[in-house]
């Protein structure tokens, strides 16, 4: 998962976040000769850029009073800041490619208190229903609301609302049927000792001698998974445990990655280091101990250092080995695809 750390709702933080996610509008309006009617500007933006920036804001927020307050135009990639007034007051930031004449990204930052004013009722209702089952500890406190539009952000979130709390986030993906993903950070002191012990035992069972202590856990909902994700800050060590079932689903220790760069990796795993039978033998006791899965009757697929253990109607297990033929990562995927 992307890192899910909470971000205070400031324009500076948003600038950093969106600087790596260029977005292009599907269509751009023709060149403008006058400034958009509901836009004011105290910065030196040409009418065409102002209209294009304004059109996106109007699409996302409805027709509000827009003021462009500052802009960084030192290069072709502009960063434009401003405010909205109307339904609710808000700050916004937009990235604009002045050479291509396209709006690359737009985000609007609302105050938490304005949620009922700016978010559609059906989405508010969906969030409330989600929290009833996900936030059983009732720890979520909204600090800010963002509306973000990034339609061609490859591999990333595209068109969504996000509710921020302190080290908490809830995303509503508008282009994916209003699907919700979420992540809440818990300090280890707030997590049940039995759960922490299970995560530590799992990491020891994996068997890589060097281990980095867990620093926190994330309660996450993504796709069909609802898990506790124990990790250190760099995600070197990671254990994923189902919230409902308490089952271990994934264990990883990157200290076991013993190759030196891409060339060494390619050379080491150009040919399978373990045969299918050797892989079954090397994995079976750890897979049984970690996941309660018996690998008898499983077949094996091999791709570089990745070994996938398959059996019709049963959970799939994916493992990765290092140059010493030791598994440093093991993951179980249930037959129904739901880890909880």
Protein backbone atom coordinates (compact mmCIF):
# COMPACT_ATOMS: atom_id res chain seq x y z
CA UNK A 1 0.00 0.00 0.00
CA UNK A 2 0.89 3.58 -0.45
CA UNK A 3 1.98 5.11 2.94
CA UNK A 4 -1.15 6.14 4.73
CA UNK A 5 0.25 8.62 7.27
CA UNK A 6 -2.11 11.47 8.09
CA UNK A 7 -1.26 14.83 6.54
CA UNK A 8 -2.29 18.13 8.07
CA UNK A 9 -4.49 20.06 5.69
CA UNK A 10 -2.09 22.72 4.55
CA UNK A 11 -1.42 23.94 1.08
CA UNK A 12 2.30 23.32 1.50
CA UNK A 13 1.79 19.65 2.28
CA UNK A 14 -0.63 19.26 -0.57
CA UNK A 15 1.85 20.78 -2.97
CA UNK A 16 4.40 18.13 -2.07
CA UNK A 17 1.85 15.36 -2.42
CA UNK A 18 0.50 16.34 -5.80
CA UNK A 19 3.78 17.33 -7.37
CA UNK A 20 4.35 13.68 -8.32
CA UNK A 21 0.91 12.99 -9.74
CA UNK A 22 0.38 14.82 -13.04
CA UNK A 23 -3.17 14.80 -14.34
CA UNK A 24 -4.41 15.76 -17.78
CA UNK A 25 -7.98 16.77 -18.46
CA UNK A 26 -9.62 14.68 -21.17
CA UNK A 27 -10.55 17.81 -23.12
CA UNK A 28 -9.36 21.37 -22.87
CA UNK A 29 -11.47 24.38 -23.78
CA UNK A 30 -10.48 26.72 -26.54
CA UNK A 31 -8.22 29.64 -25.76
CA UNK A 32 -9.98 32.29 -23.72
CA UNK A 33 -9.92 36.01 -24.38
CA UNK A 34 -11.36 37.09 -21.02
CA UNK A 35 -11.00 35.94 -17.42
CA UNK A 36 -13.66 33.45 -16.23
CA UNK A 37 -16.65 35.33 -14.77
CA UNK A 38 -16.45 33.89 -11.26
CA UNK A 39 -12.66 34.09 -10.97
CA UNK A 40 -10.55 36.85 -9.47
CA UNK A 41 -6.80 36.92 -9.72
CA UNK A 42 -4.09 38.92 -8.02
CA UNK A 43 -1.36 37.00 -9.84
CA UNK A 44 -0.10 37.18 -13.39
CA UNK A 45 -2.07 34.40 -15.11
CA UNK A 46 -3.09 34.68 -18.74
CA UNK A 47 -6.85 34.45 -19.52
CA UNK A 48 -6.57 31.02 -21.15
CA UNK A 49 -4.84 29.46 -18.15
CA UNK A 50 -7.28 31.16 -15.78
CA UNK A 51 -10.30 29.80 -17.66
CA UNK A 52 -8.91 26.28 -17.80
CA UNK A 53 -8.09 26.27 -14.10
CA UNK A 54 -11.49 27.76 -13.29
CA UNK A 55 -13.41 25.23 -15.38
CA UNK A 56 -11.93 22.34 -13.39
CA UNK A 57 -12.77 24.02 -10.08
CA UNK A 58 -16.34 24.64 -11.23
CA UNK A 59 -16.68 20.98 -12.18
CA UNK A 60 -15.47 19.78 -8.79
CA UNK A 61 -17.05 22.34 -6.46
CA UNK A 62 -19.88 23.96 -8.39
CA UNK A 63 -19.78 27.61 -9.28
CA UNK A 64 -18.10 29.39 -6.37
CA UNK A 65 -16.22 32.66 -6.04
CA UNK A 66 -12.66 31.81 -6.99
CA UNK A 67 -9.57 33.84 -6.15
CA UNK A 68 -6.13 32.87 -7.41
CA UNK A 69 -3.84 34.18 -4.68
CA UNK A 70 -0.33 33.10 -5.72
CA UNK A 71 1.49 31.08 -8.33
CA UNK A 72 4.91 29.60 -8.93
CA UNK A 73 5.50 30.13 -12.65
CA UNK A 74 9.28 29.89 -12.76
CA UNK A 75 9.15 26.85 -15.04
CA UNK A 76 6.66 25.35 -17.50
CA UNK A 77 5.11 23.43 -14.59
CA UNK A 78 3.09 26.01 -12.68
CA UNK A 79 1.72 25.58 -9.17
CA UNK A 80 -1.28 27.81 -8.57
CA UNK A 81 -2.86 28.51 -5.17
CA UNK A 82 -6.15 30.09 -4.29
CA UNK A 83 -9.38 30.18 -2.30
CA UNK A 84 -13.02 29.31 -2.86
CA UNK A 85 -15.95 31.15 -1.26
CA UNK A 86 -19.59 30.20 -1.51
CA UNK A 87 -21.05 26.93 -0.28
CA UNK A 88 -18.04 26.69 2.01
CA UNK A 89 -14.70 28.45 2.22
CA UNK A 90 -11.75 26.37 1.01
CA UNK A 91 -8.17 26.54 -0.19
CA UNK A 92 -7.07 24.89 -3.41
CA UNK A 93 -3.93 24.06 -5.31
CA UNK A 94 -3.60 23.25 -9.00
CA UNK A 95 -0.72 22.08 -11.15
CA UNK A 96 -0.73 23.47 -14.68
CA UNK A 97 1.52 22.65 -17.64
CA UNK A 98 1.86 26.02 -19.33
CA UNK A 99 3.72 24.56 -22.31
CA UNK A 100 0.98 22.06 -23.13
CA UNK A 101 -1.83 24.24 -21.80
CA UNK A 102 -3.32 21.54 -19.58
CA UNK A 103 -4.44 21.34 -15.96
CA UNK A 104 -2.40 18.56 -14.41
CA UNK A 105 -4.03 18.27 -10.99
CA UNK A 106 -6.58 19.96 -8.77
CA UNK A 107 -7.21 19.55 -5.05
CA UNK A 108 -9.60 21.45 -2.84
CA UNK A 109 -9.07 21.56 0.94
CA UNK A 110 -12.18 21.94 3.07
CA UNK A 111 -12.56 22.24 6.82
CA UNK A 112 -13.97 19.20 8.61
CA UNK A 113 -16.89 21.25 9.90
CA UNK A 114 -18.07 21.83 6.32
CA UNK A 115 -18.49 18.17 5.43
CA UNK A 116 -22.30 18.36 5.35
CA UNK A 117 -22.14 21.40 3.07
CA UNK A 118 -19.76 20.02 0.45
CA UNK A 119 -20.07 16.23 0.36
CA UNK A 120 -23.14 14.63 -1.25
CA UNK A 121 -25.55 12.97 1.23
CA UNK A 122 -25.15 9.49 -0.30
CA UNK A 123 -21.37 9.62 0.27
CA UNK A 124 -21.75 10.86 3.84
CA UNK A 125 -24.17 8.00 4.50
CA UNK A 126 -21.74 5.48 3.02
CA UNK A 127 -18.90 6.72 5.20
CA UNK A 128 -21.07 6.53 8.31
CA UNK A 129 -22.06 2.93 7.50
CA UNK A 130 -18.44 2.00 6.83
CA UNK A 131 -17.26 3.43 10.15
CA UNK A 132 -19.81 1.38 12.10
CA UNK A 133 -17.97 -1.83 11.16
CA UNK A 134 -14.42 -0.60 10.53
CA UNK A 135 -13.94 1.88 13.36
CA UNK A 136 -15.14 -0.35 16.20
CA UNK A 137 -12.88 1.52 18.64
CA UNK A 138 -14.44 4.84 17.59
CA UNK A 139 -11.07 6.52 17.15
CA UNK A 140 -11.69 8.39 13.89
CA UNK A 141 -11.82 12.18 14.18
CA UNK A 142 -12.00 14.20 10.96
CA UNK A 143 -9.46 17.01 10.70
CA UNK A 144 -9.85 17.97 7.04
CA UNK A 145 -11.58 16.98 3.81
CA UNK A 146 -9.98 17.04 0.37
CA UNK A 147 -11.58 16.75 -3.05
CA UNK A 148 -8.95 15.56 -5.53
CA UNK A 149 -9.13 15.05 -9.28
CA UNK A 150 -6.35 13.02 -10.93
CA UNK A 151 -7.94 11.06 -13.79
CA UNK A 152 -4.82 9.68 -15.49
CA UNK A 153 -2.59 9.17 -12.47
CA UNK A 154 -1.21 5.78 -13.52
CA UNK A 155 -1.28 3.31 -10.67
CA UNK A 156 -2.59 5.89 -8.24
CA UNK A 157 -5.88 7.28 -6.99
CA UNK A 158 -7.66 9.31 -9.62
CA UNK A 159 -10.95 10.93 -8.69
CA UNK A 160 -11.81 10.89 -5.01
CA UNK A 161 -12.69 12.44 -1.68
CA UNK A 162 -10.37 11.84 1.24
CA UNK A 163 -11.18 12.40 4.91
CA UNK A 164 -8.10 12.99 7.04
CA UNK A 165 -7.75 12.35 10.73
CA UNK A 166 -4.65 12.20 12.90
CA UNK A 167 -2.70 9.36 11.25
CA UNK A 168 -5.99 8.28 9.67
CA UNK A 169 -7.44 8.41 6.17
CA UNK A 170 -10.63 7.36 4.40
CA UNK A 171 -10.72 7.50 0.60
CA UNK A 172 -13.94 7.42 -1.45
CA UNK A 173 -13.10 6.46 -5.05
CA UNK A 174 -15.71 8.09 -7.27
CA UNK A 175 -14.55 6.34 -10.43
CA UNK A 176 -14.74 2.92 -8.76
CA UNK A 177 -18.36 2.85 -7.65
CA UNK A 178 -17.63 4.95 -4.55
CA UNK A 179 -15.42 2.19 -3.15
CA UNK A 180 -13.90 3.00 0.22
CA UNK A 181 -10.31 2.35 1.28
CA UNK A 182 -9.04 3.32 4.70
CA UNK A 183 -6.07 3.20 7.04
CA UNK A 184 -5.84 4.08 10.74
CA UNK A 185 -2.49 4.05 12.53
CA UNK A 186 -2.36 2.53 16.03
CA UNK A 187 0.65 2.92 18.36
CA UNK A 188 1.67 -0.50 19.68
CA UNK A 189 0.66 0.55 23.19
CA UNK A 190 -2.95 0.68 21.98
CA UNK A 191 -2.88 -2.81 20.43
CA UNK A 192 -3.74 -6.04 22.22
CA UNK A 193 -0.64 -7.89 23.44
CA UNK A 194 -1.85 -11.17 21.92
CA UNK A 195 -1.95 -9.58 18.47
CA UNK A 196 1.55 -8.11 18.84
CA UNK A 197 2.88 -11.47 20.04
CA UNK A 198 1.37 -13.21 17.02
CA UNK A 199 3.04 -10.74 14.67
CA UNK A 200 6.42 -11.18 16.39
CA UNK A 201 6.13 -14.99 16.36
CA UNK A 202 5.29 -14.94 12.67
CA UNK A 203 8.36 -12.90 11.85
CA UNK A 204 10.53 -15.33 13.84
CA UNK A 205 8.94 -18.30 12.08
CA UNK A 206 9.92 -16.83 8.72
CA UNK A 207 13.47 -17.37 9.91
CA UNK A 208 15.53 -14.40 8.68
CA UNK A 209 18.03 -13.80 11.53
CA UNK A 210 18.08 -9.98 11.35
CA UNK A 211 14.79 -8.41 12.41
CA UNK A 212 13.75 -4.82 12.92
CA UNK A 213 11.21 -4.19 15.72
CA UNK A 214 7.71 -3.19 14.74
CA UNK A 215 6.98 0.48 15.36
CA UNK A 216 3.20 0.58 14.83
CA UNK A 217 0.31 -1.18 13.16
CA UNK A 218 -2.20 -0.01 10.59
CA UNK A 219 -5.82 -1.11 10.55
CA UNK A 220 -6.47 -1.15 6.81
CA UNK A 221 -9.27 -1.70 4.36
CA UNK A 222 -8.19 -2.08 0.76
CA UNK A 223 -9.95 -4.01 -1.98
CA UNK A 224 -11.32 -7.11 -0.20
CA UNK A 225 -8.81 -7.02 2.65
CA UNK A 226 -9.48 -5.86 6.21
CA UNK A 227 -6.23 -6.38 8.06
CA UNK A 228 -3.86 -5.34 10.80
CA UNK A 229 -0.57 -4.42 9.13
CA UNK A 230 2.36 -4.51 11.56
CA UNK A 231 5.44 -2.75 10.24
CA UNK A 232 8.41 -0.54 10.94
CA UNK A 233 8.68 2.93 9.46
CA UNK A 234 10.51 1.70 6.34
CA UNK A 235 8.29 -1.40 5.96
CA UNK A 236 11.37 -3.64 6.08
CA UNK A 237 9.54 -6.06 8.36
CA UNK A 238 5.84 -6.60 7.78
CA UNK A 239 3.12 -8.94 9.07
CA UNK A 240 -0.51 -8.81 7.98
CA UNK A 241 -3.23 -10.34 10.18
CA UNK A 242 -6.96 -10.51 9.47
CA UNK A 243 -9.06 -8.18 11.64
CA UNK A 244 -12.02 -10.58 11.88
CA UNK A 245 -10.37 -14.00 11.69
CA UNK A 246 -7.05 -13.31 13.43
CA UNK A 247 -5.34 -15.33 10.69
CA UNK A 248 -1.86 -14.43 9.50
CA UNK A 249 -1.96 -13.64 5.79
CA UNK A 250 1.48 -12.27 4.93
CA UNK A 251 4.97 -12.11 6.43
CA UNK A 252 7.96 -10.29 4.97
CA UNK A 253 11.50 -9.47 6.12
CA UNK A 254 13.50 -7.53 3.54
CA UNK A 255 16.71 -8.10 5.50
CA UNK A 256 16.65 -11.41 3.64
CA UNK A 257 17.09 -9.70 0.26
CA UNK A 258 20.79 -10.49 -0.14
CA UNK A 259 21.53 -9.51 -3.73
CA UNK A 260 23.46 -6.42 -4.74
CA UNK A 261 21.38 -4.45 -7.21
CA UNK A 262 19.40 -5.37 -10.31
CA UNK A 263 22.28 -6.97 -12.20
CA UNK A 264 23.13 -9.29 -9.34
CA UNK A 265 19.44 -10.19 -8.97
CA UNK A 266 19.10 -10.97 -12.68
CA UNK A 267 22.21 -13.13 -12.61
CA UNK A 268 21.23 -14.97 -9.42
CA UNK A 269 17.72 -15.83 -10.58
CA UNK A 270 18.23 -16.24 -14.32
CA UNK A 271 17.46 -19.92 -13.78
CA UNK A 272 15.32 -21.46 -11.02
CA UNK A 273 17.43 -21.98 -7.90
CA UNK A 274 14.96 -24.49 -6.51
CA UNK A 275 13.11 -27.21 -8.37
CA UNK A 276 9.38 -27.50 -7.77
CA UNK A 277 9.89 -30.37 -5.32
CA UNK A 278 12.68 -28.50 -3.54
CA UNK A 279 10.48 -25.43 -3.23
CA UNK A 280 7.65 -27.48 -1.73
CA UNK A 281 10.06 -29.05 0.72
CA UNK A 282 11.58 -25.70 1.71
CA UNK A 283 8.23 -23.98 2.19
CA UNK A 284 5.92 -26.63 3.66
CA UNK A 285 6.77 -26.36 7.36
CA UNK A 286 6.74 -22.55 7.40
CA UNK A 287 3.51 -22.37 5.40
CA UNK A 288 1.87 -24.84 7.76
CA UNK A 289 3.07 -22.95 10.83
CA UNK A 290 2.22 -19.47 9.56
CA UNK A 291 -1.02 -20.04 7.67
CA UNK A 292 -2.22 -23.48 8.71
CA UNK A 293 -2.01 -24.60 5.06
CA UNK A 294 -0.84 -28.10 4.09
CA UNK A 295 0.97 -27.95 0.75
CA UNK A 296 0.27 -31.60 -0.08
CA UNK A 297 -1.19 -31.80 -3.59
CA UNK A 298 -0.02 -28.30 -4.56
CA UNK A 299 1.67 -27.49 -7.86
CA UNK A 300 4.37 -24.83 -8.24
CA UNK A 301 4.90 -22.00 -10.70
CA UNK A 302 8.31 -20.31 -10.79
CA UNK A 303 9.19 -16.81 -11.97
CA UNK A 304 12.67 -15.58 -11.09
CA UNK A 305 12.77 -15.69 -7.26
CA UNK A 306 9.00 -15.99 -6.84
CA UNK A 307 7.36 -19.36 -6.18
CA UNK A 308 3.57 -19.64 -6.41
CA UNK A 309 1.95 -22.68 -4.81
CA UNK A 310 -1.42 -23.57 -6.32
CA UNK A 311 -4.22 -26.04 -5.66
CA UNK A 312 -7.71 -25.96 -7.14
CA UNK A 313 -10.25 -24.68 -4.65
CA UNK A 314 -7.62 -23.91 -2.02
CA UNK A 315 -5.68 -20.85 -0.90
CA UNK A 316 -2.75 -19.74 -3.05
CA UNK A 317 0.64 -19.20 -1.40
CA UNK A 318 3.27 -16.89 -2.89
CA UNK A 319 6.84 -16.97 -1.61
CA UNK A 320 10.05 -15.19 -2.53
CA UNK A 321 13.53 -16.57 -1.92
CA UNK A 322 16.97 -15.02 -1.61
CA UNK A 323 20.30 -16.23 -3.01
CA UNK A 324 20.62 -18.70 -0.14
CA UNK A 325 17.30 -20.31 -1.18
CA UNK A 326 15.60 -19.02 2.00
CA UNK A 327 12.09 -17.58 1.86
CA UNK A 328 12.13 -13.97 3.07
CA UNK A 329 8.49 -13.37 2.09
CA UNK A 330 5.42 -15.62 2.29
CA UNK A 331 1.83 -14.63 1.57
CA UNK A 332 -1.43 -16.55 1.53
CA UNK A 333 -4.35 -15.57 -0.70
CA UNK A 334 -7.63 -17.33 0.16
CA UNK A 335 -9.66 -18.98 -2.59
CA UNK A 336 -12.41 -16.36 -2.26
CA UNK A 337 -9.88 -13.52 -2.40
CA UNK A 338 -11.03 -12.01 0.90
CA UNK A 339 -8.53 -11.55 3.71
CA UNK A 340 -10.17 -10.42 6.90
